[in-house]
Amino acid sequence: MTFSELDPRSLTALGLEGALEAASAPRATAELLSGLSAHPDARVRARVAAHPNTPPEVLGLLAAAFPREVLGNPGVPLLRLARPGFLNLFPSEGMTALLGLPGVPGWVLDGALRHENYDVRAALAAVPELPGGRVATLAQDAGWQVREAVAKRAQLPEPLLRQLAADDDYDVRKAVAAREDLPGDVLRTLVADAHGMVRAGVARRLDLPLDCLLTLATDADPDVLATLARRLDLPGNVRDWLAGHEQPHVRAAALQAWRVPPRWLERAENDADPDVRAALARRPDADEALLTRLAGDEAETVRRALLERAELPDGAVLALARAPEADIRIHIASAEGIPAQALALLLEDPDPSVRTILAVRPDLGAAGRGRLATDPNAEVRRAVAYADPTPGDVLERLAADPHAGVRRAVAVHPALPAQTLARLAADPDEGVRLLAAGRADLPGELRAALTSDPDPSVRAEISSVD
């Protein structure tokens, strides 16, 4: 049987070498190649992508992963003659991969220009070496995403730039507003744009002339004012006005500037809006006393903002250990280097999840671990049994725990005292005996006793351990 006669339903019987040979066979059929295009090995799929008999629909699916093979496929020139619009069969991922190749040929550019998917045309608009005529065509595309991609090109003729600055879609105008090569009159037109997002985009420009800054400072849109409030290159009275603006969003944004006057920090701490106080909690120049006070803030938003910081003073950590939110206390319980006062406080936490995390902390200490070994929650006691630093006397106590799950955890502890191991090897729970039987350090007399255990799984575990 030749590969041209092979039933695609039997492809799984080929094996890798057979599939590679079949994908390279000159007489391989379109049906066979279609089946091989889903092969799990990339080498097989790459050969299918380069085979002249592969159907165009399959080439389109393979183009995303194998654009060079598809573009170099010897059957593509004939396919272009027989089906001039075959690139429309390619999904956007495949076409985008083709457009990403260096020196992509003009016929691919033209196919992308006519492709019905706007993602493809937007990818085309981003091709650096795209000829000017095609750029001009895309600047009038019906899809705003395509025109936006044109507006983001590194180089644009001024007539096209002016055309896009007056585009009907605000996303296109916003892309123009971010360009460094804007003529002054176009920039001032965008300062007065009808859409706030465009004006906010203008307000982000590092080179914005002072008269444009002052014009935007009179804007009615809080987002525009918030963008301005983060800047340092404003007159002091304008910055002060924005820092005390009636909109909390603007006041919070003012606290995100690189440097702020000290009086702003005091005012923000007493701000009625928690988002403003949260912005204060994120400032890198907030001192330890301020952070400690904010950790006791009545607003959850402020407390969560403090958790974003890499380091917190001990006073703030202790305050957050008293937070009403269990997940905040869990965060503190799992943090490194928390003060002893916080550890002691969390040992009495009402949430067992917090105490469970504490149980495995290496810095908890023998006294704390002994306290948690008597915890009313079995999950907490089991965590103590799993913790490497748990001392032998505590393990001995846990080996007599009424909960089988706790005793099972003790049975796998690496530093288990000999007398404790002997107790667990005779435990009434078969799961405890199973775990004891699986230990490599099980003494010979215990191994012999477990060899005749009434549970077959325990006996099998003994025989499986070298």
Protein backbone atom coordinates (compact mmCIF):
# COMPACT_ATOMS: atom_id res chain seq x y z
CA MET A 1 0.00 0.00 0.00
CA THR A 2 1.27 3.48 -0.89
CA PHE A 3 0.74 6.62 1.17
CA SER A 4 -1.62 7.90 -1.52
CA GLU A 5 -3.88 4.93 -0.74
CA LEU A 6 -3.62 5.17 3.04
CA ASP A 7 -6.93 5.55 4.85
CA PRO A 8 -6.74 8.72 7.04
CA ARG A 9 -8.71 6.87 9.70
CA SER A 10 -5.69 4.61 10.29
CA LEU A 11 -3.15 7.40 10.76
CA THR A 12 -2.69 6.63 14.44
CA ALA A 13 -1.08 3.32 13.46
CA LEU A 14 1.71 5.03 11.51
CA GLY A 15 3.95 6.03 14.40
CA LEU A 16 6.16 9.12 14.28
CA GLU A 17 8.59 7.91 11.61
CA GLY A 18 5.74 6.71 9.43
CA ALA A 19 3.89 9.99 9.83
CA LEU A 20 7.01 11.97 8.89
CA GLU A 21 7.48 9.81 5.79
CA ALA A 22 3.81 10.10 4.85
CA ALA A 23 3.84 13.90 5.24
CA SER A 24 6.79 14.10 2.83
CA ALA A 25 5.54 11.58 0.25
CA PRO A 26 5.13 13.27 -3.19
CA ARG A 27 1.86 11.42 -3.84
CA ALA A 28 0.31 12.14 -0.43
CA THR A 29 -3.34 13.05 -0.90
CA ALA A 30 -5.07 16.17 0.34
CA GLU A 31 -7.20 14.01 2.63
CA LEU A 32 -4.15 12.29 4.11
CA LEU A 33 -2.36 15.60 4.64
CA SER A 34 -5.46 17.06 6.27
CA GLY A 35 -5.41 14.19 8.77
CA LEU A 36 -1.69 14.59 9.43
CA SER A 37 -2.14 18.35 10.03
CA ALA A 38 -3.51 17.47 13.48
CA HIS A 39 -0.56 15.24 14.37
CA PRO A 40 0.78 15.93 17.91
CA ASP A 41 4.39 16.19 16.67
CA ALA A 42 5.34 19.63 15.31
CA ARG A 43 7.77 18.10 12.80
CA VAL A 44 4.94 16.28 11.08
CA ARG A 45 2.77 19.38 10.97
CA ALA A 46 5.68 21.43 9.57
CA ARG A 47 6.08 18.97 6.69
CA VAL A 48 2.35 19.15 5.99
CA ALA A 49 2.64 22.97 5.88
CA ALA A 50 5.37 22.67 3.23
CA HIS A 51 3.64 20.00 1.11
CA PRO A 52 2.27 21.20 -2.28
CA ASN A 53 -0.81 18.96 -2.01
CA THR A 54 -1.99 20.41 1.30
CA PRO A 55 -5.41 22.13 0.89
CA PRO A 56 -5.47 25.93 1.36
CA GLU A 57 -7.85 25.66 4.34
CA VAL A 58 -5.29 23.47 6.10
CA LEU A 59 -2.44 25.78 5.15
CA GLY A 60 -4.35 28.60 6.79
CA LEU A 61 -4.67 26.66 10.03
CA LEU A 62 -0.97 25.77 10.01
CA ALA A 63 0.29 29.26 9.07
CA ALA A 64 0.18 30.56 12.66
CA ALA A 65 2.80 28.01 13.78
CA PHE A 66 4.64 27.48 10.48
CA PRO A 67 4.50 30.73 8.49
CA ARG A 68 7.86 30.15 6.71
CA GLU A 69 6.87 26.66 5.59
CA VAL A 70 3.52 27.91 4.26
CA LEU A 71 5.06 30.87 2.47
CA GLY A 72 7.75 28.64 0.92
CA ASN A 73 5.29 25.88 -0.03
CA PRO A 74 5.95 25.04 -3.73
CA GLY A 75 2.23 24.64 -4.35
CA VAL A 76 1.40 28.23 -3.33
CA PRO A 77 2.29 29.87 -6.71
CA LEU A 78 -0.16 27.54 -8.50
CA LEU A 79 -2.72 28.12 -5.77
CA ARG A 80 -2.46 31.88 -6.32
CA LEU A 81 -3.34 31.38 -9.98
CA ALA A 82 -6.18 28.94 -9.34
CA ARG A 83 -7.70 30.71 -6.34
CA PRO A 84 -6.55 34.35 -6.21
CA GLY A 85 -8.46 35.09 -2.99
CA PHE A 86 -7.35 32.00 -1.08
CA LEU A 87 -5.72 34.07 1.70
CA ASN A 88 -9.23 34.99 2.86
CA LEU A 89 -9.47 31.36 3.98
CA PHE A 90 -6.62 31.97 6.44
CA PRO A 91 -7.71 32.84 10.00
CA SER A 92 -6.36 36.03 11.51
CA GLU A 93 -3.65 34.23 13.53
CA GLY A 94 -2.20 32.67 10.38
CA MET A 95 -2.24 35.90 8.40
CA THR A 96 -0.69 37.84 11.29
CA ALA A 97 2.13 35.28 11.44
CA LEU A 98 2.76 35.68 7.71
CA LEU A 99 2.84 39.46 8.06
CA GLY A 100 5.38 39.13 10.86
CA LEU A 101 7.95 37.50 8.58
CA PRO A 102 10.78 39.72 7.31
CA GLY A 103 10.50 40.72 3.67
CA VAL A 104 6.91 39.54 3.32
CA PRO A 105 6.04 39.58 -0.42
CA GLY A 106 3.67 42.11 -1.92
CA TRP A 107 1.01 39.56 -2.83
CA VAL A 108 0.65 38.69 0.88
CA LEU A 109 0.35 42.41 1.71
CA ASP A 110 -2.35 42.76 -0.93
CA GLY A 111 -4.15 39.68 0.38
CA ALA A 112 -4.09 41.12 3.87
CA LEU A 113 -5.37 44.45 2.57
CA ARG A 114 -8.43 42.66 1.15
CA HIS A 115 -8.87 40.28 4.09
CA GLU A 116 -12.32 40.49 5.67
CA ASN A 117 -10.96 40.27 9.24
CA TYR A 118 -10.07 43.69 10.65
CA ASP A 119 -7.43 42.13 12.93
CA VAL A 120 -5.51 41.12 9.82
CA ARG A 121 -5.78 44.60 8.32
CA ALA A 122 -4.69 46.11 11.65
CA ALA A 123 -1.65 43.80 11.67
CA LEU A 124 -0.93 44.91 8.12
CA ALA A 125 -1.07 48.54 9.22
CA ALA A 126 1.72 47.83 11.71
CA VAL A 127 4.14 46.36 9.11
CA PRO A 128 7.06 48.84 9.16
CA GLU A 129 8.00 48.58 5.47
CA LEU A 130 4.42 48.93 4.21
CA PRO A 131 4.36 51.13 1.09
CA GLY A 132 2.73 54.56 1.41
CA GLY A 133 -0.15 53.77 -0.92
CA ARG A 134 -1.29 50.86 1.20
CA VAL A 135 -0.92 52.97 4.36
CA ALA A 136 -3.16 55.64 2.83
CA THR A 137 -5.75 53.01 1.92
CA LEU A 138 -5.75 51.61 5.46
CA ALA A 139 -6.14 55.12 6.89
CA GLN A 140 -9.61 55.12 5.32
CA ASP A 141 -10.51 51.58 6.38
CA ALA A 142 -14.02 50.99 7.73
CA GLY A 143 -12.61 49.38 10.89
CA TRP A 144 -11.56 51.87 13.56
CA GLN A 145 -9.03 49.33 14.87
CA VAL A 146 -7.27 49.48 11.51
CA ARG A 147 -7.19 53.28 11.45
CA GLU A 148 -5.94 53.25 15.05
CA ALA A 149 -3.09 50.95 14.01
CA VAL A 150 -2.21 53.39 11.22
CA ALA A 151 -2.22 56.25 13.73
CA LYS A 152 0.36 54.35 15.82
CA ARG A 153 2.86 53.93 12.96
CA ALA A 154 6.29 55.37 13.66
CA GLN A 155 6.25 57.54 10.53
CA LEU A 156 3.20 59.16 8.95
CA PRO A 157 2.91 61.82 6.28
CA GLU A 158 1.49 65.01 7.78
CA PRO A 159 -1.67 64.97 5.61
CA LEU A 160 -2.53 61.50 6.94
CA LEU A 161 -1.73 62.57 10.48
CA ARG A 162 -4.11 65.53 10.19
CA GLN A 163 -6.76 63.30 8.63
CA LEU A 164 -6.56 60.84 11.53
CA ALA A 165 -6.57 63.68 14.12
CA ALA A 166 -10.06 64.51 12.81
CA ASP A 167 -11.23 60.88 12.68
CA ASP A 168 -14.79 60.07 13.78
CA ASP A 169 -13.54 57.50 16.31
CA TYR A 170 -12.05 58.73 19.59
CA ASP A 171 -9.66 55.75 19.86
CA VAL A 172 -8.04 56.84 16.60
CA ARG A 173 -7.75 60.43 17.81
CA LYS A 174 -6.37 59.19 21.16
CA ALA A 175 -3.64 57.31 19.28
CA VAL A 176 -2.80 60.49 17.38
CA ALA A 177 -2.65 62.44 20.66
CA ALA A 178 0.15 60.17 21.87
CA ARG A 179 2.39 60.85 18.87
CA GLU A 180 5.59 62.83 19.40
CA ASP A 181 5.52 64.41 15.95
CA LEU A 182 2.27 66.37 16.34
CA PRO A 183 2.23 69.86 14.83
CA GLY A 184 1.34 72.50 17.42
CA ASP A 185 -1.99 73.40 15.85
CA VAL A 186 -3.08 69.73 15.76
CA LEU A 187 -2.10 69.34 19.42
CA ARG A 188 -4.17 72.36 20.42
CA THR A 189 -7.12 71.00 18.45
CA LEU A 190 -6.93 67.78 20.47
CA VAL A 191 -6.76 69.76 23.73
CA ALA A 192 -10.31 70.81 22.92
CA ASP A 193 -11.42 67.39 21.63
CA ALA A 194 -15.02 66.39 22.33
CA HIS A 195 -14.03 63.15 24.07
CA GLY A 196 -12.50 63.16 27.55
CA MET A 197 -10.28 60.14 26.84
CA VAL A 198 -8.60 62.04 24.00
CA ARG A 199 -8.04 65.06 26.22
CA ALA A 200 -6.71 62.79 28.99
CA GLY A 201 -4.32 61.31 26.44
CA VAL A 202 -3.10 64.80 25.60
CA ALA A 203 -2.68 65.52 29.33
CA ARG A 204 -0.19 62.61 29.57
CA ARG A 205 2.22 64.14 27.07
CA LEU A 206 5.55 64.99 28.68
CA ASP A 207 6.16 67.89 26.29
CA LEU A 208 2.78 69.57 26.70
CA PRO A 209 3.11 73.38 26.46
CA LEU A 210 2.14 75.35 29.54
CA ASP A 211 -0.82 77.03 27.85
CA CYS A 212 -2.25 73.56 27.01
CA LEU A 213 -1.73 72.44 30.60
CA LEU A 214 -3.59 75.46 31.91
CA THR A 215 -6.41 74.94 29.43
CA LEU A 216 -6.81 71.31 30.51
CA ALA A 217 -6.81 72.41 34.16
CA THR A 218 -10.20 74.00 33.49
CA ASP A 219 -11.59 70.74 32.06
CA ALA A 220 -14.88 69.43 33.45
CA ASP A 221 -13.87 65.75 33.11
CA PRO A 222 -12.45 64.29 36.38
CA ASP A 223 -10.32 61.81 34.42
CA VAL A 224 -8.58 64.63 32.59
CA LEU A 225 -7.99 66.48 35.86
CA ALA A 226 -6.76 63.28 37.55
CA THR A 227 -4.22 62.82 34.77
CA LEU A 228 -3.03 66.39 35.24
CA ALA A 229 -2.92 66.03 39.03
CA ARG A 230 -0.09 63.48 38.76
CA ARG A 231 2.17 66.02 37.02
CA LEU A 232 4.82 68.16 38.69
CA ASP A 233 5.17 70.73 35.89
CA LEU A 234 2.11 72.75 36.88
CA PRO A 235 1.95 76.05 38.72
CA GLY A 236 1.84 75.50 42.47
CA ASN A 237 -1.61 77.01 42.86
CA VAL A 238 -3.01 74.68 40.17
CA ARG A 239 -1.48 71.62 41.87
CA ASP A 240 -2.91 72.74 45.23
CA TRP A 241 -6.33 73.22 43.68
CA LEU A 242 -6.25 69.73 42.14
CA ALA A 243 -5.04 68.17 45.40
CA GLY A 244 -8.09 69.62 47.14
CA HIS A 245 -10.56 69.02 44.30
CA GLU A 246 -14.13 68.09 45.16
CA GLN A 247 -13.76 64.80 43.26
CA PRO A 248 -11.99 62.10 45.38
CA HIS A 249 -10.65 60.56 42.17
CA VAL A 250 -8.70 63.76 41.45
CA ARG A 251 -7.46 64.13 45.04
CA ALA A 252 -6.24 60.52 45.05
CA ALA A 253 -4.45 61.05 41.73
CA ALA A 254 -2.64 64.09 43.14
CA LEU A 255 -1.10 61.80 45.77
CA GLN A 256 0.39 59.67 42.98
CA ALA A 257 2.79 62.41 41.89
CA TRP A 258 6.50 61.77 42.39
CA ARG A 259 6.77 64.45 45.07
CA VAL A 260 4.09 66.20 47.07
CA PRO A 261 4.24 68.87 49.78
CA PRO A 262 4.21 67.46 53.35
CA ARG A 263 0.97 69.31 54.12
CA TRP A 264 -0.80 67.21 51.48
CA LEU A 265 0.02 64.04 53.43
CA GLU A 266 -1.53 65.42 56.62
CA ARG A 267 -4.59 66.58 54.74
CA ALA A 268 -4.96 63.24 52.93
CA GLU A 269 -4.82 61.28 56.18
CA ASN A 270 -7.90 63.14 57.33
CA ASP A 271 -9.68 62.94 53.96
CA ALA A 272 -13.25 61.68 54.16
CA ASP A 273 -12.82 59.42 51.12
CA PRO A 274 -11.11 56.03 51.70
CA ASP A 275 -9.68 55.98 48.16
CA VAL A 276 -7.68 59.11 48.97
CA ARG A 277 -6.38 57.56 52.18
CA ALA A 278 -5.58 54.37 50.22
CA ALA A 279 -3.53 56.43 47.76
CA LEU A 280 -1.68 57.86 50.74
CA ALA A 281 -1.00 54.32 52.01
CA ARG A 282 0.72 53.49 48.72
CA ARG A 283 3.13 56.44 48.80
CA PRO A 284 6.77 55.34 49.08
CA ASP A 285 7.58 58.31 51.32
CA ALA A 286 4.94 57.52 53.97
CA ASP A 287 6.74 57.20 57.30
CA GLU A 288 6.33 54.36 59.82
CA ALA A 289 4.05 56.32 62.13
CA LEU A 290 1.71 57.22 59.29
CA LEU A 291 1.59 53.63 58.00
CA THR A 292 0.83 52.35 61.49
CA ARG A 293 -2.06 54.77 61.84
CA LEU A 294 -3.40 53.83 58.40
CA ALA A 295 -3.26 50.12 59.32
CA GLY A 296 -5.94 50.89 61.89
CA ASP A 297 -8.09 52.79 59.39
CA GLU A 298 -11.80 52.07 59.48
CA ALA A 299 -11.90 51.42 55.71
CA GLU A 300 -11.02 48.03 54.27
CA THR A 301 -9.76 49.78 51.10
CA VAL A 302 -7.00 51.46 53.09
CA ARG A 303 -5.95 48.26 54.85
CA ARG A 304 -5.75 46.39 51.55
CA ALA A 305 -3.66 49.17 50.02
CA LEU A 306 -1.08 48.62 52.75
CA LEU A 307 -0.78 44.96 51.76
CA GLU A 308 0.61 46.10 48.39
CA ARG A 309 3.74 47.41 50.09
CA ALA A 310 6.88 45.27 50.16
CA GLU A 311 7.61 46.17 53.78
CA LEU A 312 5.57 47.42 56.70
CA PRO A 313 6.63 48.63 60.15
CA ASP A 314 5.95 46.32 63.09
CA GLY A 315 3.19 48.58 64.37
CA ALA A 316 1.31 48.36 61.07
CA VAL A 317 1.73 44.58 60.95
CA LEU A 318 0.33 44.27 64.46
CA ALA A 319 -2.65 46.47 63.55
CA LEU A 320 -3.36 44.41 60.41
CA ALA A 321 -3.20 41.23 62.49
CA ARG A 322 -6.32 42.61 64.18
CA ALA A 323 -8.09 43.40 60.88
CA PRO A 324 -11.69 42.16 60.65
CA GLU A 325 -10.99 40.56 57.24
CA ALA A 326 -9.74 36.99 57.59
CA ASP A 327 -7.80 37.09 54.31
CA ILE A 328 -5.82 40.11 55.52
CA ARG A 329 -4.93 38.26 58.71
CA ILE A 330 -3.97 35.21 56.59
CA HIS A 331 -1.71 37.47 54.53
CA ILE A 332 0.01 38.67 57.70
CA ALA A 333 0.24 35.13 59.11
CA SER A 334 2.12 33.97 56.00
CA ALA A 335 4.45 36.99 55.75
CA GLU A 336 8.12 36.71 56.60
CA GLY A 337 9.60 38.23 59.71
CA ILE A 338 6.45 39.38 61.51
CA PRO A 339 6.96 40.62 65.07
CA ALA A 340 6.49 38.30 68.05
CA GLN A 341 3.48 40.33 69.23
CA ALA A 342 1.71 39.66 65.94
CA LEU A 343 2.48 35.94 66.17
CA ALA A 344 1.08 35.81 69.70
CA LEU A 345 -2.05 37.66 68.60
CA LEU A 346 -2.63 35.41 65.60
CA LEU A 347 -2.25 32.30 67.74
CA GLU A 348 -5.60 33.26 69.25
CA ASP A 349 -7.19 34.10 65.89
CA PRO A 350 -10.81 32.91 65.58
CA ASP A 351 -10.25 31.66 62.02
CA PRO A 352 -8.67 28.17 61.87
CA SER A 353 -7.17 28.99 58.45
CA VAL A 354 -4.99 31.62 60.10
CA ARG A 355 -3.89 29.24 62.85
CA THR A 356 -3.15 26.53 60.26
CA ILE A 357 -0.72 28.83 58.47
CA LEU A 358 0.95 29.72 61.75
CA ALA A 359 1.39 26.04 62.58
CA VAL A 360 3.94 25.52 59.80
CA ARG A 361 5.92 28.75 60.30
CA PRO A 362 9.57 27.88 61.05
CA ASP A 363 9.83 30.85 63.45
CA LEU A 364 6.79 29.96 65.55
CA GLY A 365 8.78 28.40 68.38
CA ALA A 366 8.17 25.30 70.49
CA ALA A 367 5.73 27.01 72.84
CA GLY A 368 3.51 28.25 70.01
CA ARG A 369 3.59 24.89 68.26
CA GLY A 370 2.71 23.15 71.52
CA ARG A 371 -0.23 25.53 71.93
CA LEU A 372 -1.53 24.72 68.43
CA ALA A 373 -1.06 20.99 69.02
CA THR A 374 -4.04 21.25 71.40
CA ASP A 375 -6.11 23.38 69.02
CA PRO A 376 -9.80 22.39 68.83
CA ASN A 377 -9.55 22.26 65.02
CA ALA A 378 -8.14 19.05 63.54
CA GLU A 379 -6.74 20.85 60.45
CA VAL A 380 -4.61 23.03 62.71
CA ARG A 381 -3.32 20.04 64.69
CA ARG A 382 -2.57 18.18 61.45
CA ALA A 383 -0.52 21.16 60.22
CA VAL A 384 1.52 21.03 63.43
CA ALA A 385 2.13 17.33 62.78
CA TYR A 386 3.41 18.09 59.26
CA ALA A 387 5.71 20.95 60.34
CA ASP A 388 9.39 19.96 60.28
CA PRO A 389 10.34 21.93 63.44
CA THR A 390 7.71 20.22 65.60
CA PRO A 391 9.57 18.75 68.62
CA GLY A 392 9.39 15.09 69.60
CA ASP A 393 7.30 15.58 72.73
CA VAL A 394 4.64 17.38 70.70
CA LEU A 395 4.68 14.63 68.08
CA GLU A 396 4.24 12.08 70.87
CA ARG A 397 1.17 13.95 72.05
CA LEU A 398 -0.25 14.20 68.51
CA ALA A 399 0.32 10.47 67.95
CA ALA A 400 -2.48 9.94 70.48
CA ASP A 401 -4.79 12.49 68.85
CA PRO A 402 -8.41 11.31 68.57
CA HIS A 403 -8.51 12.33 64.89
CA ALA A 404 -7.05 9.73 62.50
CA GLY A 405 -6.04 12.42 59.99
CA VAL A 406 -3.77 14.02 62.57
CA ARG A 407 -2.15 10.69 63.45
CA ARG A 408 -1.60 9.98 59.75
CA ALA A 409 0.27 13.28 59.45
CA VAL A 410 2.43 12.35 62.43
CA ALA A 411 3.23 9.00 60.81
CA VAL A 412 5.13 10.66 57.94
CA HIS A 413 7.10 13.16 60.04
CA PRO A 414 10.82 12.80 59.17
CA ALA A 415 12.02 13.21 62.78
CA LEU A 416 9.62 10.83 64.46
CA PRO A 417 10.90 9.40 67.79
CA ALA A 418 11.23 5.62 67.86
CA GLN A 419 8.63 5.14 70.59
CA THR A 420 6.14 7.28 68.69
CA LEU A 421 6.68 5.26 65.50
CA ALA A 422 6.06 2.05 67.44
CA ARG A 423 2.77 3.43 68.73
CA LEU A 424 1.64 4.42 65.24
CA ALA A 425 2.59 1.04 63.77
CA ALA A 426 -0.03 -0.47 66.09
CA ASP A 427 -2.64 2.26 65.49
CA PRO A 428 -6.27 1.09 65.10
CA ASP A 429 -6.56 3.14 61.88
CA GLU A 430 -5.34 1.25 58.81
CA GLY A 431 -4.32 4.55 57.14
CA VAL A 432 -1.93 5.34 59.99
CA ARG A 433 -0.40 1.84 59.82
CA LEU A 434 -0.11 2.14 56.01
CA LEU A 435 1.93 5.34 56.30
CA ALA A 436 4.09 3.85 59.04
CA ALA A 437 4.67 0.79 56.86
CA GLY A 438 5.88 3.00 54.01
CA ARG A 439 8.72 4.52 56.03
CA ALA A 440 12.22 3.52 54.94
CA ASP A 441 13.49 3.86 58.51
CA LEU A 442 11.00 1.37 59.97
CA PRO A 443 12.81 -0.90 62.46
CA GLY A 444 12.95 -4.62 61.70
CA GLU A 445 10.65 -5.69 64.54
CA LEU A 446 7.93 -3.25 63.42
CA ARG A 447 8.36 -4.34 59.80
CA ALA A 448 7.89 -7.95 60.87
CA ALA A 449 4.75 -7.06 62.82
CA LEU A 450 3.21 -5.16 59.91
CA THR A 451 3.98 -8.01 57.51
CA SER A 452 1.10 -9.86 59.12
CA ASP A 453 -1.18 -6.80 59.36
CA PRO A 454 -4.88 -7.64 58.88
CA ASP A 455 -5.17 -5.03 56.12
CA PRO A 456 -3.87 -6.20 52.70
CA SER A 457 -2.88 -2.67 51.69
CA VAL A 458 -0.59 -2.39 54.72
CA ARG A 459 1.01 -5.76 53.92
CA ALA A 460 1.51 -4.71 50.29
CA GLU A 461 3.08 -1.42 51.38
CA ILE A 462 5.57 -3.28 53.59
CA SER A 463 6.60 -5.54 50.70
CA SER A 464 7.05 -2.58 48.34
CA VAL A 465 9.57 -0.77 50.56
CA ASP A 466 13.18 -1.78 49.96
